[in-house]
Amino acid sequence: MNEEALTVAAGGASVQTGVAGAVTDLADDKQAFHVPWGKAMMWIFLLSDTFIFSCFLIGYMSVRMTTTVPWPNTSEVFALSLGGEPIPLILIAIMTFILITSSGTMALAVNYGYRRDKKKTVLLMLATAALGATFVGMQAFEWSKLIEEGVRPWSNPMGAPQFGSSFFMITGFHGMHVTAGVIYLIVTATRVGTGYYDRHRGGNYEMVEITGLYWHFVDLVWVFIFAFFYLW
């Protein structure tokens, strides 16, 4: 029997296999893969942002490896005294834990969004926004502490002057993204809670997932900043 013309009966319908089946599928103009427009645009935006953050981190590493002035010890610079004893990177560790936790609450929000559970979706998105706002607040404290110690974008009393410009540029750009993400979360949660997506999008909570994509990206970028800037 010619395999190319083989027809298999399946569930009362005939299915062609081999070359003949491929030709039939192409002739039917079937849509094999579909990405919603909003999600595609978010992926494009995140890809462009990836290039920007990559340039920042690569520039930082280049400066770090070529400077002739000693680079400050980040374990000492970002230490906080608790009980009279300095604890290295304790604030940064807490900030990292907060962002990782927020990724978990965001993932749960997306899950309940698919289930059309508005109450849990809203609560989890607001919890994520609260964690993000806490992170921004701690970052503001970190900035104020270094500014009080004399660190500026153009100077640094603790060593290489490029430390200040690298720190404020990288953490500031990321902090702007987190702040925008908090606003984004609150707006989306409000629309879910007021039934906006039920009235205007037929109950499609796809925007919750799109918001989650942005938030997970922001969290992932922080992991790289934490590894390359604070731990190196």
C-alpha atoms as a PDB file:
ATOM      1  CA  MET A   1       0.000   0.000   0.000  1.00  0.00           C
ATOM      2  CA  ASN A   2       1.325   3.460  -0.886  1.00  0.00           C
ATOM      3  CA  GLU A   3       2.147   5.220   2.411  1.00  0.00           C
ATOM      4  CA  GLU A   4       1.812   8.654   0.841  1.00  0.00           C
ATOM      5  CA  ALA A   5      -1.823   8.051   0.009  1.00  0.00           C
ATOM      6  CA  LEU A   6      -2.657   6.157   3.172  1.00  0.00           C
ATOM      7  CA  THR A   7      -5.932   7.173   4.779  1.00  0.00           C
ATOM      8  CA  VAL A   8      -6.576   6.269   8.400  1.00  0.00           C
ATOM      9  CA  ALA A   9     -10.042   6.227   9.891  1.00  0.00           C
ATOM     10  CA  ALA A  10     -10.024   7.938  13.282  1.00  0.00           C
ATOM     11  CA  GLY A  11     -13.182   8.657  15.229  1.00  0.00           C
ATOM     12  CA  GLY A  12     -15.361   8.553  12.148  1.00  0.00           C
ATOM     13  CA  ALA A  13     -13.147  11.021  10.238  1.00  0.00           C
ATOM     14  CA  SER A  14     -10.490  10.205   7.667  1.00  0.00           C
ATOM     15  CA  VAL A  15      -6.979  11.473   8.294  1.00  0.00           C
ATOM     16  CA  GLN A  16      -4.392  11.479   5.542  1.00  0.00           C
ATOM     17  CA  THR A  17      -0.780  10.793   6.478  1.00  0.00           C
ATOM     18  CA  GLY A  18       2.541  11.188   4.742  1.00  0.00           C
ATOM     19  CA  VAL A  19       3.132  13.686   1.969  1.00  0.00           C
ATOM     20  CA  ALA A  20      -0.532  13.709   0.955  1.00  0.00           C
ATOM     21  CA  GLY A  21      -1.531  14.679   4.500  1.00  0.00           C
ATOM     22  CA  ALA A  22       1.025  17.490   4.614  1.00  0.00           C
ATOM     23  CA  VAL A  23      -0.199  18.853   1.302  1.00  0.00           C
ATOM     24  CA  THR A  24      -3.798  18.729   2.519  1.00  0.00           C
ATOM     25  CA  ASP A  25      -2.953  20.588   5.743  1.00  0.00           C
ATOM     26  CA  LEU A  26      -1.102  23.324   3.862  1.00  0.00           C
ATOM     27  CA  ALA A  27      -3.916  23.650   1.360  1.00  0.00           C
ATOM     28  CA  ASP A  28      -6.430  24.050   4.211  1.00  0.00           C
ATOM     29  CA  ASP A  29      -4.462  27.082   5.449  1.00  0.00           C
ATOM     30  CA  LYS A  30      -4.651  25.908   9.044  1.00  0.00           C
ATOM     31  CA  GLN A  31      -3.281  28.106  11.839  1.00  0.00           C
ATOM     32  CA  ALA A  32      -0.808  25.987  13.762  1.00  0.00           C
ATOM     33  CA  PHE A  33       0.488  28.640  16.167  1.00  0.00           C
ATOM     34  CA  HIS A  34      -1.016  31.846  17.497  1.00  0.00           C
ATOM     35  CA  VAL A  35       0.376  34.485  19.864  1.00  0.00           C
ATOM     36  CA  PRO A  36      -1.979  37.244  21.058  1.00  0.00           C
ATOM     37  CA  TRP A  37      -0.964  40.705  19.933  1.00  0.00           C
ATOM     38  CA  GLY A  38      -0.554  42.100  23.452  1.00  0.00           C
ATOM     39  CA  LYS A  39       1.683  39.235  24.540  1.00  0.00           C
ATOM     40  CA  ALA A  40       3.812  39.513  21.386  1.00  0.00           C
ATOM     41  CA  MET A  41       4.331  43.244  21.979  1.00  0.00           C
ATOM     42  CA  MET A  42       5.358  42.596  25.579  1.00  0.00           C
ATOM     43  CA  TRP A  43       7.923  39.995  24.454  1.00  0.00           C
ATOM     44  CA  ILE A  44       9.348  42.502  21.931  1.00  0.00           C
ATOM     45  CA  PHE A  45       9.573  45.176  24.633  1.00  0.00           C
ATOM     46  CA  LEU A  46      11.283  42.777  27.042  1.00  0.00           C
ATOM     47  CA  LEU A  47      13.742  41.741  24.353  1.00  0.00           C
ATOM     48  CA  SER A  48      14.710  45.367  23.757  1.00  0.00           C
ATOM     49  CA  ASP A  49      15.039  45.894  27.506  1.00  0.00           C
ATOM     50  CA  THR A  50      17.276  42.835  27.716  1.00  0.00           C
ATOM     51  CA  PHE A  51      19.700  44.491  25.316  1.00  0.00           C
ATOM     52  CA  ILE A  52      19.741  47.679  27.416  1.00  0.00           C
ATOM     53  CA  PHE A  53      20.401  45.898  30.710  1.00  0.00           C
ATOM     54  CA  SER A  54      23.016  43.718  29.003  1.00  0.00           C
ATOM     55  CA  CYS A  55      24.837  46.839  27.778  1.00  0.00           C
ATOM     56  CA  PHE A  56      24.773  48.295  31.292  1.00  0.00           C
ATOM     57  CA  LEU A  57      26.161  45.143  32.891  1.00  0.00           C
ATOM     58  CA  ILE A  58      28.778  44.590  30.199  1.00  0.00           C
ATOM     59  CA  GLY A  59      29.874  48.226  30.526  1.00  0.00           C
ATOM     60  CA  TYR A  60      30.083  47.810  34.298  1.00  0.00           C
ATOM     61  CA  MET A  61      32.190  44.651  34.004  1.00  0.00           C
ATOM     62  CA  SER A  62      34.506  46.334  31.492  1.00  0.00           C
ATOM     63  CA  VAL A  63      35.058  49.281  33.842  1.00  0.00           C
ATOM     64  CA  ARG A  64      35.495  46.985  36.803  1.00  0.00           C
ATOM     65  CA  MET A  65      38.202  44.933  35.079  1.00  0.00           C
ATOM     66  CA  THR A  66      40.117  47.872  33.577  1.00  0.00           C
ATOM     67  CA  THR A  67      40.125  50.441  36.374  1.00  0.00           C
ATOM     68  CA  THR A  68      43.486  50.997  38.056  1.00  0.00           C
ATOM     69  CA  VAL A  69      41.932  52.360  41.247  1.00  0.00           C
ATOM     70  CA  PRO A  70      40.871  49.740  43.833  1.00  0.00           C
ATOM     71  CA  TRP A  71      37.194  48.829  43.614  1.00  0.00           C
ATOM     72  CA  PRO A  72      35.254  49.156  46.896  1.00  0.00           C
ATOM     73  CA  ASN A  73      34.491  45.954  48.769  1.00  0.00           C
ATOM     74  CA  THR A  74      30.717  45.601  48.289  1.00  0.00           C
ATOM     75  CA  SER A  75      30.421  43.370  51.371  1.00  0.00           C
ATOM     76  CA  GLU A  76      31.594  46.297  53.467  1.00  0.00           C
ATOM     77  CA  VAL A  77      29.910  49.078  51.501  1.00  0.00           C
ATOM     78  CA  PHE A  78      26.479  47.454  51.711  1.00  0.00           C
ATOM     79  CA  ALA A  79      26.790  46.125  55.252  1.00  0.00           C
ATOM     80  CA  LEU A  80      24.367  47.153  57.982  1.00  0.00           C
ATOM     81  CA  SER A  81      25.044  47.126  61.705  1.00  0.00           C
ATOM     82  CA  LEU A  82      22.608  45.065  63.732  1.00  0.00           C
ATOM     83  CA  GLY A  83      23.354  44.687  67.425  1.00  0.00           C
ATOM     84  CA  GLY A  84      26.652  46.496  66.977  1.00  0.00           C
ATOM     85  CA  GLU A  85      28.005  43.997  64.454  1.00  0.00           C
ATOM     86  CA  PRO A  86      28.105  44.756  60.698  1.00  0.00           C
ATOM     87  CA  ILE A  87      26.319  42.136  58.602  1.00  0.00           C
ATOM     88  CA  PRO A  88      27.517  42.050  54.981  1.00  0.00           C
ATOM     89  CA  LEU A  89      24.855  42.526  52.269  1.00  0.00           C
ATOM     90  CA  ILE A  90      21.991  41.927  54.710  1.00  0.00           C
ATOM     91  CA  LEU A  91      19.802  44.630  53.134  1.00  0.00           C
ATOM     92  CA  ILE A  92      20.512  43.377  49.611  1.00  0.00           C
ATOM     93  CA  ALA A  93      19.696  39.812  50.669  1.00  0.00           C
ATOM     94  CA  ILE A  94      16.339  40.929  52.082  1.00  0.00           C
ATOM     95  CA  MET A  95      15.578  42.901  48.924  1.00  0.00           C
ATOM     96  CA  THR A  96      16.378  39.854  46.790  1.00  0.00           C
ATOM     97  CA  PHE A  97      14.159  37.640  48.944  1.00  0.00           C
ATOM     98  CA  ILE A  98      11.302  40.135  48.589  1.00  0.00           C
ATOM     99  CA  LEU A  99      11.525  40.167  44.786  1.00  0.00           C
ATOM    100  CA  ILE A 100      11.736  36.378  44.553  1.00  0.00           C
ATOM    101  CA  THR A 101       8.681  36.112  46.811  1.00  0.00           C
ATOM    102  CA  SER A 102       6.843  38.599  44.589  1.00  0.00           C
ATOM    103  CA  SER A 103       7.469  36.342  41.594  1.00  0.00           C
ATOM    104  CA  GLY A 104       5.665  33.576  43.464  1.00  0.00           C
ATOM    105  CA  THR A 105       2.646  35.730  44.271  1.00  0.00           C
ATOM    106  CA  MET A 106       2.538  36.942  40.657  1.00  0.00           C
ATOM    107  CA  ALA A 107       2.602  33.374  39.352  1.00  0.00           C
ATOM    108  CA  LEU A 108      -0.314  32.507  41.634  1.00  0.00           C
ATOM    109  CA  ALA A 109      -2.192  35.587  40.423  1.00  0.00           C
ATOM    110  CA  VAL A 110      -1.823  34.430  36.816  1.00  0.00           C
ATOM    111  CA  ASN A 111      -3.008  30.961  37.792  1.00  0.00           C
ATOM    112  CA  TYR A 112      -6.153  32.273  39.490  1.00  0.00           C
ATOM    113  CA  GLY A 113      -6.687  34.663  36.599  1.00  0.00           C
ATOM    114  CA  TYR A 114      -6.989  31.699  34.259  1.00  0.00           C
ATOM    115  CA  ARG A 115      -9.513  30.235  36.682  1.00  0.00           C
ATOM    116  CA  ARG A 116     -11.521  33.503  36.594  1.00  0.00           C
ATOM    117  CA  ASP A 117     -11.182  33.851  40.368  1.00  0.00           C
ATOM    118  CA  LYS A 118     -11.251  37.635  40.548  1.00  0.00           C
ATOM    119  CA  LYS A 119     -10.919  38.002  44.303  1.00  0.00           C
ATOM    120  CA  LYS A 120      -7.763  35.893  44.658  1.00  0.00           C
ATOM    121  CA  THR A 121      -6.282  37.362  41.482  1.00  0.00           C
ATOM    122  CA  VAL A 122      -6.727  40.916  42.774  1.00  0.00           C
ATOM    123  CA  LEU A 123      -5.391  40.100  46.250  1.00  0.00           C
ATOM    124  CA  LEU A 124      -2.310  38.364  44.884  1.00  0.00           C
ATOM    125  CA  MET A 125      -1.575  41.157  42.413  1.00  0.00           C
ATOM    126  CA  LEU A 126      -1.898  43.763  45.162  1.00  0.00           C
ATOM    127  CA  ALA A 127       0.377  41.640  47.374  1.00  0.00           C
ATOM    128  CA  THR A 128       2.901  41.591  44.533  1.00  0.00           C
ATOM    129  CA  ALA A 129       2.619  45.374  44.187  1.00  0.00           C
ATOM    130  CA  ALA A 130       3.137  45.779  47.948  1.00  0.00           C
ATOM    131  CA  LEU A 131       6.289  43.654  47.819  1.00  0.00           C
ATOM    132  CA  GLY A 132       7.533  45.685  44.859  1.00  0.00           C
ATOM    133  CA  ALA A 133       6.862  48.963  46.689  1.00  0.00           C
ATOM    134  CA  THR A 134       8.746  47.605  49.710  1.00  0.00           C
ATOM    135  CA  PHE A 135      11.691  46.790  47.465  1.00  0.00           C
ATOM    136  CA  VAL A 136      11.704  50.336  46.037  1.00  0.00           C
ATOM    137  CA  GLY A 137      11.553  51.780  49.546  1.00  0.00           C
ATOM    138  CA  MET A 138      14.547  49.709  50.644  1.00  0.00           C
ATOM    139  CA  GLN A 139      16.416  50.742  47.522  1.00  0.00           C
ATOM    140  CA  ALA A 140      15.727  54.392  48.343  1.00  0.00           C
ATOM    141  CA  PHE A 141      17.192  53.770  51.814  1.00  0.00           C
ATOM    142  CA  GLU A 142      20.243  52.173  50.198  1.00  0.00           C
ATOM    143  CA  TRP A 143      20.699  55.200  47.934  1.00  0.00           C
ATOM    144  CA  SER A 144      20.359  57.690  50.790  1.00  0.00           C
ATOM    145  CA  LYS A 145      22.904  55.756  52.855  1.00  0.00           C
ATOM    146  CA  LEU A 146      25.538  55.863  50.097  1.00  0.00           C
ATOM    147  CA  ILE A 147      24.817  59.517  49.320  1.00  0.00           C
ATOM    148  CA  GLU A 148      25.367  60.367  53.009  1.00  0.00           C
ATOM    149  CA  GLU A 149      28.705  58.531  52.784  1.00  0.00           C
ATOM    150  CA  GLY A 150      29.764  60.768  49.886  1.00  0.00           C
ATOM    151  CA  VAL A 151      29.160  58.473  46.916  1.00  0.00           C
ATOM    152  CA  ARG A 152      28.204  60.381  43.758  1.00  0.00           C
ATOM    153  CA  PRO A 153      27.862  59.419  40.079  1.00  0.00           C
ATOM    154  CA  TRP A 154      31.111  61.290  39.406  1.00  0.00           C
ATOM    155  CA  SER A 155      33.064  60.510  42.583  1.00  0.00           C
ATOM    156  CA  ASN A 156      33.511  57.933  45.310  1.00  0.00           C
ATOM    157  CA  PRO A 157      35.518  58.430  48.528  1.00  0.00           C
ATOM    158  CA  MET A 158      35.830  54.649  48.993  1.00  0.00           C
ATOM    159  CA  GLY A 159      37.770  53.907  45.807  1.00  0.00           C
ATOM    160  CA  ALA A 160      37.174  53.860  42.066  1.00  0.00           C
ATOM    161  CA  PRO A 161      34.965  56.796  40.991  1.00  0.00           C
ATOM    162  CA  GLN A 162      33.267  54.553  38.421  1.00  0.00           C
ATOM    163  CA  PHE A 163      31.632  52.687  41.304  1.00  0.00           C
ATOM    164  CA  GLY A 164      29.185  55.527  41.919  1.00  0.00           C
ATOM    165  CA  SER A 165      28.183  55.954  38.273  1.00  0.00           C
ATOM    166  CA  SER A 166      27.761  52.192  37.812  1.00  0.00           C
ATOM    167  CA  PHE A 167      25.715  51.827  40.982  1.00  0.00           C
ATOM    168  CA  PHE A 168      23.317  54.702  40.382  1.00  0.00           C
ATOM    169  CA  MET A 169      22.898  53.914  36.686  1.00  0.00           C
ATOM    170  CA  ILE A 170      22.192  50.183  37.020  1.00  0.00           C
ATOM    171  CA  THR A 171      20.137  50.174  40.221  1.00  0.00           C
ATOM    172  CA  GLY A 172      18.353  53.396  39.255  1.00  0.00           C
ATOM    173  CA  PHE A 173      17.268  52.046  35.874  1.00  0.00           C
ATOM    174  CA  HIS A 174      16.087  48.832  37.498  1.00  0.00           C
ATOM    175  CA  GLY A 175      14.304  50.764  40.241  1.00  0.00           C
ATOM    176  CA  MET A 176      12.406  52.722  37.589  1.00  0.00           C
ATOM    177  CA  HIS A 177      11.246  49.429  36.094  1.00  0.00           C
ATOM    178  CA  VAL A 178      10.087  48.140  39.469  1.00  0.00           C
ATOM    179  CA  THR A 179       8.209  51.386  40.148  1.00  0.00           C
ATOM    180  CA  ALA A 180       6.524  51.198  36.738  1.00  0.00           C
ATOM    181  CA  GLY A 181       5.704  47.559  37.455  1.00  0.00           C
ATOM    182  CA  VAL A 182       4.027  48.445  40.749  1.00  0.00           C
ATOM    183  CA  ILE A 183       1.816  50.992  38.961  1.00  0.00           C
ATOM    184  CA  TYR A 184       1.133  48.461  36.198  1.00  0.00           C
ATOM    185  CA  LEU A 185       0.091  45.847  38.774  1.00  0.00           C
ATOM    186  CA  ILE A 186      -2.249  48.220  40.596  1.00  0.00           C
ATOM    187  CA  VAL A 187      -3.943  49.341  37.374  1.00  0.00           C
ATOM    188  CA  THR A 188      -4.413  45.764  36.148  1.00  0.00           C
ATOM    189  CA  ALA A 189      -5.666  44.566  39.553  1.00  0.00           C
ATOM    190  CA  THR A 190      -8.147  47.449  39.658  1.00  0.00           C
ATOM    191  CA  ARG A 191      -9.481  46.535  36.232  1.00  0.00           C
ATOM    192  CA  VAL A 192      -9.841  42.903  37.238  1.00  0.00           C
ATOM    193  CA  GLY A 193     -11.669  43.859  40.421  1.00  0.00           C
ATOM    194  CA  THR A 194     -14.062  46.276  38.703  1.00  0.00           C
ATOM    195  CA  GLY A 195     -14.918  43.767  35.985  1.00  0.00           C
ATOM    196  CA  TYR A 196     -13.337  45.794  33.172  1.00  0.00           C
ATOM    197  CA  TYR A 197     -12.038  42.675  31.403  1.00  0.00           C
ATOM    198  CA  ASP A 198     -15.410  40.977  31.786  1.00  0.00           C
ATOM    199  CA  ARG A 199     -17.167  43.860  30.049  1.00  0.00           C
ATOM    200  CA  HIS A 200     -14.613  44.752  27.391  1.00  0.00           C
ATOM    201  CA  ARG A 201     -12.656  41.553  26.742  1.00  0.00           C
ATOM    202  CA  GLY A 202     -15.260  38.874  27.178  1.00  0.00           C
ATOM    203  CA  GLY A 203     -13.829  37.643  30.472  1.00  0.00           C
ATOM    204  CA  ASN A 204     -10.334  37.216  29.021  1.00  0.00           C
ATOM    205  CA  TYR A 205      -7.740  37.828  31.745  1.00  0.00           C
ATOM    206  CA  GLU A 206      -4.806  37.664  29.352  1.00  0.00           C
ATOM    207  CA  MET A 207      -3.613  41.049  30.623  1.00  0.00           C
ATOM    208  CA  VAL A 208      -2.823  39.449  33.990  1.00  0.00           C
ATOM    209  CA  GLU A 209      -0.402  37.090  32.262  1.00  0.00           C
ATOM    210  CA  ILE A 210       1.131  39.952  30.263  1.00  0.00           C
ATOM    211  CA  THR A 211       1.650  41.900  33.489  1.00  0.00           C
ATOM    212  CA  GLY A 212       3.231  38.773  34.958  1.00  0.00           C
ATOM    213  CA  LEU A 213       5.683  38.555  32.052  1.00  0.00           C
ATOM    214  CA  TYR A 214       6.892  42.076  32.787  1.00  0.00           C
ATOM    215  CA  TRP A 215       7.184  41.435  36.513  1.00  0.00           C
ATOM    216  CA  HIS A 216       9.089  38.167  36.135  1.00  0.00           C
ATOM    217  CA  PHE A 217      11.486  39.933  33.772  1.00  0.00           C
ATOM    218  CA  VAL A 218      12.159  42.657  36.338  1.00  0.00           C
ATOM    219  CA  ASP A 219      12.823  40.001  38.982  1.00  0.00           C
ATOM    220  CA  LEU A 220      15.148  38.058  36.685  1.00  0.00           C
ATOM    221  CA  VAL A 221      17.174  41.172  35.869  1.00  0.00           C
ATOM    222  CA  TRP A 222      17.672  41.784  39.585  1.00  0.00           C
ATOM    223  CA  VAL A 223      19.155  38.303  39.973  1.00  0.00           C
ATOM    224  CA  PHE A 224      21.852  39.234  37.428  1.00  0.00           C
ATOM    225  CA  ILE A 225      22.447  42.609  39.106  1.00  0.00           C
ATOM    226  CA  PHE A 226      22.734  40.892  42.472  1.00  0.00           C
ATOM    227  CA  ALA A 227      25.217  38.357  41.117  1.00  0.00           C
ATOM    228  CA  PHE A 228      27.425  40.670  39.060  1.00  0.00           C
ATOM    229  CA  PHE A 229      27.334  43.904  41.056  1.00  0.00           C
ATOM    230  CA  TYR A 230      26.913  42.906  44.685  1.00  0.00           C
ATOM    231  CA  LEU A 231      28.545  39.469  44.871  1.00  0.00           C
ATOM    232  CA  TRP A 232      31.480  40.084  42.538  1.00  0.00           C
END
